[in-house]
Amino acid sequence: MSRRPSVLVAEDDPHLAEQLRWALKDRYRVRLAGDRPQALGLLERGKPDLLLLDLCLPPENTPEEGFRILRAARAAGRETTVVVLSANDEREAALRAVSEGAYDFFAKPVDLETLRVVLSRAVERQELEQENRTLRRQLQDRYQVEGLVGVSRGMQTILDAIRRVKDSPVTVLIEGESGTGKELVARAIHFGGSRQEGPFI
């Protein structure tokens, strides 16, 4: 990432929260939340890259408070990586959190050097996933049109022609021998462009 990654620390112990802020502020933009409502608000507004999550937060001080935040962080479209902080008696809940999508968990007291390494790896993973998504989109844009895939020069010519006409109101004539995929091309033009609301005949 070209910018400094952001970390939301959801921790109700103010001393530990400040210790984490101090340990991470050189590399990350750090925000603190002391309870579930505050954490959910910062998660929604700030869209942090990383979330350090204490499972037992106010108002109820039960692991379910943390799981509500975890579910919000892992909701569709979010790219926040969650690392759970847990007391020894919360180990089962921490393992459940990992099974529900958390990246890792740490038992308290937290070893700050190890935590820095894990967060750094989490950021690297995010960068790789983003690069993978970008490359996949580029490949799809270049080599695929609504169910048609091709890398040969001939297929690229066809895919380019489909892209040019799919949103045009003009009548399109598709010619070719039997079995060459004329109907597939017709479907790609119809369902991939401005004609998709009308019937395919």
C-alpha atoms as a PDB file:
ATOM      1  CA  MET A   1       0.000   0.000   0.000  1.00  0.00           C
ATOM      2  CA  SER A   2       1.358   3.426  -0.858  1.00  0.00           C
ATOM      3  CA  ARG A   3      -0.447   4.995   2.104  1.00  0.00           C
ATOM      4  CA  ARG A   4       0.005   4.053   5.752  1.00  0.00           C
ATOM      5  CA  PRO A   5      -2.426   1.243   6.650  1.00  0.00           C
ATOM      6  CA  SER A   6      -5.073   2.002   9.253  1.00  0.00           C
ATOM      7  CA  VAL A   7      -5.698  -0.015  12.407  1.00  0.00           C
ATOM      8  CA  LEU A   8      -8.796   0.113  14.597  1.00  0.00           C
ATOM      9  CA  VAL A   9      -8.045  -1.108  18.137  1.00  0.00           C
ATOM     10  CA  ALA A  10     -11.251  -2.263  19.859  1.00  0.00           C
ATOM     11  CA  GLU A  11     -10.113  -2.689  23.464  1.00  0.00           C
ATOM     12  CA  ASP A  12     -11.846  -1.611  26.683  1.00  0.00           C
ATOM     13  CA  ASP A  13      -8.684  -1.587  28.829  1.00  0.00           C
ATOM     14  CA  PRO A  14      -7.447   1.993  28.301  1.00  0.00           C
ATOM     15  CA  HIS A  15      -3.882   1.162  29.361  1.00  0.00           C
ATOM     16  CA  LEU A  16      -3.576  -1.713  26.873  1.00  0.00           C
ATOM     17  CA  ALA A  17      -5.253   0.368  24.162  1.00  0.00           C
ATOM     18  CA  GLU A  18      -2.723   3.183  24.658  1.00  0.00           C
ATOM     19  CA  GLN A  19       0.137   0.682  24.723  1.00  0.00           C
ATOM     20  CA  LEU A  20      -1.041  -0.722  21.372  1.00  0.00           C
ATOM     21  CA  ARG A  21      -1.424   2.762  19.918  1.00  0.00           C
ATOM     22  CA  TRP A  22       2.102   3.679  21.005  1.00  0.00           C
ATOM     23  CA  ALA A  23       3.547   0.416  19.622  1.00  0.00           C
ATOM     24  CA  LEU A  24       1.849   0.756  16.216  1.00  0.00           C
ATOM     25  CA  LYS A  25       1.708   4.508  15.521  1.00  0.00           C
ATOM     26  CA  ASP A  26       5.010   4.619  13.599  1.00  0.00           C
ATOM     27  CA  ARG A  27       3.736   2.334  10.855  1.00  0.00           C
ATOM     28  CA  TYR A  28      -0.064   2.599  11.101  1.00  0.00           C
ATOM     29  CA  ARG A  29      -2.804   5.186  11.489  1.00  0.00           C
ATOM     30  CA  VAL A  30      -4.357   4.023  14.767  1.00  0.00           C
ATOM     31  CA  ARG A  31      -7.907   4.661  16.064  1.00  0.00           C
ATOM     32  CA  LEU A  32      -9.206   3.447  19.429  1.00  0.00           C
ATOM     33  CA  ALA A  33     -12.656   2.190  20.413  1.00  0.00           C
ATOM     34  CA  GLY A  34     -13.599   1.202  23.948  1.00  0.00           C
ATOM     35  CA  ASP A  35     -16.945  -0.486  23.333  1.00  0.00           C
ATOM     36  CA  ARG A  36     -19.025  -2.214  20.659  1.00  0.00           C
ATOM     37  CA  PRO A  37     -21.066   0.806  19.475  1.00  0.00           C
ATOM     38  CA  GLN A  38     -17.956   2.958  19.114  1.00  0.00           C
ATOM     39  CA  ALA A  39     -16.091   0.157  17.298  1.00  0.00           C
ATOM     40  CA  LEU A  40     -18.967  -0.420  14.876  1.00  0.00           C
ATOM     41  CA  GLY A  41     -19.178   3.313  14.162  1.00  0.00           C
ATOM     42  CA  LEU A  42     -15.443   3.621  13.438  1.00  0.00           C
ATOM     43  CA  LEU A  43     -15.547   0.428  11.394  1.00  0.00           C
ATOM     44  CA  GLU A  44     -18.335   1.846   9.230  1.00  0.00           C
ATOM     45  CA  ARG A  45     -16.903   5.358   8.846  1.00  0.00           C
ATOM     46  CA  GLY A  46     -13.188   4.644   8.802  1.00  0.00           C
ATOM     47  CA  LYS A  47     -13.096   1.338   6.868  1.00  0.00           C
ATOM     48  CA  PRO A  48      -9.820   0.327   8.554  1.00  0.00           C
ATOM     49  CA  ASP A  49      -7.384  -2.072   6.915  1.00  0.00           C
ATOM     50  CA  LEU A  50      -6.848  -3.939  10.185  1.00  0.00           C
ATOM     51  CA  LEU A  51      -8.937  -4.490  13.304  1.00  0.00           C
ATOM     52  CA  LEU A  52      -7.423  -5.564  16.634  1.00  0.00           C
ATOM     53  CA  LEU A  53     -10.471  -6.919  18.428  1.00  0.00           C
ATOM     54  CA  ASP A  54     -10.921  -7.687  22.110  1.00  0.00           C
ATOM     55  CA  LEU A  55     -13.895 -10.047  22.155  1.00  0.00           C
ATOM     56  CA  CYS A  56     -15.338  -9.014  25.547  1.00  0.00           C
ATOM     57  CA  LEU A  57     -16.344  -5.394  25.139  1.00  0.00           C
ATOM     58  CA  PRO A  58     -18.980  -3.203  26.780  1.00  0.00           C
ATOM     59  CA  PRO A  59     -21.873  -2.839  26.997  1.00  0.00           C
ATOM     60  CA  GLU A  60     -22.362  -6.558  27.813  1.00  0.00           C
ATOM     61  CA  ASN A  61     -18.708  -7.628  28.253  1.00  0.00           C
ATOM     62  CA  THR A  62     -19.314 -11.024  26.619  1.00  0.00           C
ATOM     63  CA  PRO A  63     -17.645 -12.591  23.575  1.00  0.00           C
ATOM     64  CA  GLU A  64     -20.873 -12.037  21.612  1.00  0.00           C
ATOM     65  CA  GLU A  65     -20.070  -8.313  21.549  1.00  0.00           C
ATOM     66  CA  GLY A  66     -16.845  -9.124  19.735  1.00  0.00           C
ATOM     67  CA  PHE A  67     -18.568 -11.532  17.355  1.00  0.00           C
ATOM     68  CA  ARG A  68     -21.004  -8.808  16.329  1.00  0.00           C
ATOM     69  CA  ILE A  69     -18.049  -6.614  15.403  1.00  0.00           C
ATOM     70  CA  LEU A  70     -16.305  -9.511  13.644  1.00  0.00           C
ATOM     71  CA  ARG A  71     -19.406 -10.187  11.530  1.00  0.00           C
ATOM     72  CA  ALA A  72     -19.623  -6.508  10.588  1.00  0.00           C
ATOM     73  CA  ALA A  73     -15.929  -6.456   9.651  1.00  0.00           C
ATOM     74  CA  ARG A  74     -16.301  -9.598   7.526  1.00  0.00           C
ATOM     75  CA  ALA A  75     -19.518  -8.457   5.821  1.00  0.00           C
ATOM     76  CA  ALA A  76     -19.639  -8.590   2.015  1.00  0.00           C
ATOM     77  CA  GLY A  77     -17.471  -6.000   0.355  1.00  0.00           C
ATOM     78  CA  ARG A  78     -15.334  -5.248   3.413  1.00  0.00           C
ATOM     79  CA  GLU A  79     -11.607  -5.880   3.288  1.00  0.00           C
ATOM     80  CA  THR A  80     -10.775  -5.383   6.966  1.00  0.00           C
ATOM     81  CA  THR A  81      -8.455  -8.048   8.375  1.00  0.00           C
ATOM     82  CA  VAL A  82      -9.343  -8.985  11.955  1.00  0.00           C
ATOM     83  CA  VAL A  83      -6.860 -10.079  14.641  1.00  0.00           C
ATOM     84  CA  VAL A  84      -8.488 -11.128  17.922  1.00  0.00           C
ATOM     85  CA  LEU A  85      -7.047 -10.337  21.358  1.00  0.00           C
ATOM     86  CA  SER A  86      -8.228 -12.718  24.061  1.00  0.00           C
ATOM     87  CA  ALA A  87      -7.684 -13.541  27.703  1.00  0.00           C
ATOM     88  CA  ASN A  88      -6.699 -17.119  28.514  1.00  0.00           C
ATOM     89  CA  ASP A  89     -10.259 -18.078  29.521  1.00  0.00           C
ATOM     90  CA  GLU A  90     -11.502 -16.898  26.098  1.00  0.00           C
ATOM     91  CA  ARG A  91      -9.348 -19.294  24.070  1.00  0.00           C
ATOM     92  CA  GLU A  92     -12.323 -21.278  22.728  1.00  0.00           C
ATOM     93  CA  ALA A  93     -14.031 -18.062  21.651  1.00  0.00           C
ATOM     94  CA  ALA A  94     -10.827 -16.913  19.942  1.00  0.00           C
ATOM     95  CA  LEU A  95     -10.603 -20.196  18.021  1.00  0.00           C
ATOM     96  CA  ARG A  96     -14.244 -19.796  17.021  1.00  0.00           C
ATOM     97  CA  ALA A  97     -13.428 -16.270  15.808  1.00  0.00           C
ATOM     98  CA  VAL A  98     -10.666 -17.637  13.568  1.00  0.00           C
ATOM     99  CA  SER A  99     -13.059 -20.243  12.187  1.00  0.00           C
ATOM    100  CA  GLU A 100     -15.510 -17.401  11.419  1.00  0.00           C
ATOM    101  CA  GLY A 101     -12.979 -15.370   9.477  1.00  0.00           C
ATOM    102  CA  ALA A 102     -10.513 -13.725  11.858  1.00  0.00           C
ATOM    103  CA  TYR A 103      -6.948 -13.768  10.510  1.00  0.00           C
ATOM    104  CA  ASP A 104      -5.272 -14.712  13.808  1.00  0.00           C
ATOM    105  CA  PHE A 105      -5.591 -14.371  17.579  1.00  0.00           C
ATOM    106  CA  PHE A 106      -3.301 -13.399  20.446  1.00  0.00           C
ATOM    107  CA  ALA A 107      -3.566 -14.333  24.086  1.00  0.00           C
ATOM    108  CA  LYS A 108      -3.088 -11.472  26.508  1.00  0.00           C
ATOM    109  CA  PRO A 109      -0.626 -10.167  27.513  1.00  0.00           C
ATOM    110  CA  VAL A 110       0.273  -9.377  23.912  1.00  0.00           C
ATOM    111  CA  ASP A 111       3.850  -9.757  22.687  1.00  0.00           C
ATOM    112  CA  LEU A 112       4.198  -6.522  20.729  1.00  0.00           C
ATOM    113  CA  GLU A 113       7.040  -7.662  18.461  1.00  0.00           C
ATOM    114  CA  THR A 114       5.104 -10.747  17.377  1.00  0.00           C
ATOM    115  CA  LEU A 115       1.988  -8.637  16.879  1.00  0.00           C
ATOM    116  CA  ARG A 116       3.906  -6.238  14.595  1.00  0.00           C
ATOM    117  CA  VAL A 117       5.080  -9.178  12.477  1.00  0.00           C
ATOM    118  CA  VAL A 118       1.564 -10.631  12.187  1.00  0.00           C
ATOM    119  CA  LEU A 119       0.062  -7.259  11.242  1.00  0.00           C
ATOM    120  CA  SER A 120       2.793  -6.702   8.658  1.00  0.00           C
ATOM    121  CA  ARG A 121       2.028 -10.085   7.092  1.00  0.00           C
ATOM    122  CA  ALA A 122      -1.688  -9.306   7.133  1.00  0.00           C
ATOM    123  CA  VAL A 123      -1.027  -6.078   5.210  1.00  0.00           C
ATOM    124  CA  GLU A 124       1.162  -7.962   2.705  1.00  0.00           C
ATOM    125  CA  ARG A 125      -1.649 -10.479   2.206  1.00  0.00           C
ATOM    126  CA  GLN A 126      -4.135  -7.658   1.622  1.00  0.00           C
ATOM    127  CA  GLU A 127      -1.820  -6.134  -0.989  1.00  0.00           C
ATOM    128  CA  LEU A 128      -1.486  -9.481  -2.782  1.00  0.00           C
ATOM    129  CA  GLU A 129      -5.252 -10.025  -2.730  1.00  0.00           C
ATOM    130  CA  GLN A 130      -5.843  -6.532  -4.129  1.00  0.00           C
ATOM    131  CA  GLU A 131      -3.248  -7.106  -6.853  1.00  0.00           C
ATOM    132  CA  ASN A 132      -4.882 -10.461  -7.645  1.00  0.00           C
ATOM    133  CA  ARG A 133      -8.323  -8.837  -7.960  1.00  0.00           C
ATOM    134  CA  THR A 134      -6.920  -6.114 -10.218  1.00  0.00           C
ATOM    135  CA  LEU A 135      -5.172  -8.622 -12.480  1.00  0.00           C
ATOM    136  CA  ARG A 136      -8.278 -10.807 -12.625  1.00  0.00           C
ATOM    137  CA  ARG A 137     -10.382  -7.803 -13.670  1.00  0.00           C
ATOM    138  CA  GLN A 138      -7.834  -6.835 -16.326  1.00  0.00           C
ATOM    139  CA  LEU A 139      -7.761 -10.376 -17.700  1.00  0.00           C
ATOM    140  CA  GLN A 140     -11.537 -10.544 -17.706  1.00  0.00           C
ATOM    141  CA  ASP A 141     -11.796  -7.199 -19.496  1.00  0.00           C
ATOM    142  CA  ARG A 142      -9.265  -8.306 -22.061  1.00  0.00           C
ATOM    143  CA  TYR A 143     -10.143 -11.937 -22.669  1.00  0.00           C
ATOM    144  CA  GLN A 144     -13.777 -12.420 -21.667  1.00  0.00           C
ATOM    145  CA  VAL A 145     -17.202 -11.121 -22.659  1.00  0.00           C
ATOM    146  CA  GLU A 146     -20.293 -12.613 -20.956  1.00  0.00           C
ATOM    147  CA  GLY A 147     -19.436 -16.290 -21.192  1.00  0.00           C
ATOM    148  CA  LEU A 148     -16.941 -16.064 -24.074  1.00  0.00           C
ATOM    149  CA  VAL A 149     -13.260 -16.493 -23.316  1.00  0.00           C
ATOM    150  CA  GLY A 150     -10.402 -16.398 -25.781  1.00  0.00           C
ATOM    151  CA  VAL A 151      -6.767 -15.395 -26.136  1.00  0.00           C
ATOM    152  CA  SER A 152      -6.154 -16.021 -29.849  1.00  0.00           C
ATOM    153  CA  ARG A 153      -5.960 -13.078 -32.245  1.00  0.00           C
ATOM    154  CA  GLY A 154      -9.212 -14.160 -33.937  1.00  0.00           C
ATOM    155  CA  MET A 155     -11.113 -14.363 -30.643  1.00  0.00           C
ATOM    156  CA  GLN A 156      -9.734 -10.990 -29.572  1.00  0.00           C
ATOM    157  CA  THR A 157     -11.124  -9.491 -32.791  1.00  0.00           C
ATOM    158  CA  ILE A 158     -14.555 -11.002 -32.036  1.00  0.00           C
ATOM    159  CA  LEU A 159     -14.502  -9.858 -28.391  1.00  0.00           C
ATOM    160  CA  ASP A 160     -13.531  -6.333 -29.436  1.00  0.00           C
ATOM    161  CA  ALA A 161     -16.378  -6.267 -31.976  1.00  0.00           C
ATOM    162  CA  ILE A 162     -18.853  -7.425 -29.296  1.00  0.00           C
ATOM    163  CA  ARG A 163     -17.690  -4.670 -26.941  1.00  0.00           C
ATOM    164  CA  ARG A 164     -18.158  -2.062 -29.683  1.00  0.00           C
ATOM    165  CA  VAL A 165     -21.722  -3.061 -30.626  1.00  0.00           C
ATOM    166  CA  LYS A 166     -23.278  -4.360 -27.391  1.00  0.00           C
ATOM    167  CA  ASP A 167     -24.584  -0.927 -26.321  1.00  0.00           C
ATOM    168  CA  SER A 168     -25.378   0.285 -29.833  1.00  0.00           C
ATOM    169  CA  PRO A 169     -29.017   0.329 -31.067  1.00  0.00           C
ATOM    170  CA  VAL A 170     -28.020  -0.859 -34.568  1.00  0.00           C
ATOM    171  CA  THR A 171     -28.971  -4.252 -35.956  1.00  0.00           C
ATOM    172  CA  VAL A 172     -26.068  -6.721 -35.854  1.00  0.00           C
ATOM    173  CA  LEU A 173     -25.637  -9.494 -38.425  1.00  0.00           C
ATOM    174  CA  ILE A 174     -23.599 -12.484 -37.223  1.00  0.00           C
ATOM    175  CA  GLU A 175     -22.315 -14.806 -39.937  1.00  0.00           C
ATOM    176  CA  GLY A 176     -20.398 -18.052 -39.742  1.00  0.00           C
ATOM    177  CA  GLU A 177     -20.490 -21.742 -40.347  1.00  0.00           C
ATOM    178  CA  SER A 178     -22.678 -24.054 -38.297  1.00  0.00           C
ATOM    179  CA  GLY A 179     -21.173 -24.786 -34.859  1.00  0.00           C
ATOM    180  CA  THR A 180     -18.839 -21.780 -34.714  1.00  0.00           C
ATOM    181  CA  GLY A 181     -20.651 -20.072 -31.826  1.00  0.00           C
ATOM    182  CA  LYS A 182     -22.938 -17.535 -33.505  1.00  0.00           C
ATOM    183  CA  GLU A 183     -25.592 -17.957 -30.813  1.00  0.00           C
ATOM    184  CA  LEU A 184     -23.001 -17.463 -28.058  1.00  0.00           C
ATOM    185  CA  VAL A 185     -21.925 -14.209 -29.700  1.00  0.00           C
ATOM    186  CA  ALA A 186     -25.571 -13.137 -30.034  1.00  0.00           C
ATOM    187  CA  ARG A 187     -26.199 -13.884 -26.342  1.00  0.00           C
ATOM    188  CA  ALA A 188     -23.047 -11.970 -25.336  1.00  0.00           C
ATOM    189  CA  ILE A 189     -24.238  -8.921 -27.310  1.00  0.00           C
ATOM    190  CA  HIS A 190     -27.782  -9.158 -25.963  1.00  0.00           C
ATOM    191  CA  PHE A 191     -27.165  -9.877 -22.285  1.00  0.00           C
ATOM    192  CA  GLY A 192     -23.923  -7.895 -21.956  1.00  0.00           C
ATOM    193  CA  GLY A 193     -25.273  -4.586 -23.190  1.00  0.00           C
ATOM    194  CA  SER A 194     -28.236  -2.240 -23.422  1.00  0.00           C
ATOM    195  CA  ARG A 195     -30.543  -4.871 -24.993  1.00  0.00           C
ATOM    196  CA  GLN A 196     -30.636  -7.126 -21.936  1.00  0.00           C
ATOM    197  CA  GLU A 197     -34.003  -5.798 -20.696  1.00  0.00           C
ATOM    198  CA  GLY A 198     -35.715  -6.994 -23.885  1.00  0.00           C
ATOM    199  CA  PRO A 199     -36.441 -10.587 -24.921  1.00  0.00           C
ATOM    200  CA  PHE A 200     -33.719 -12.702 -26.518  1.00  0.00           C
ATOM    201  CA  ILE A 201     -35.226 -14.160 -29.685  1.00  0.00           C
END
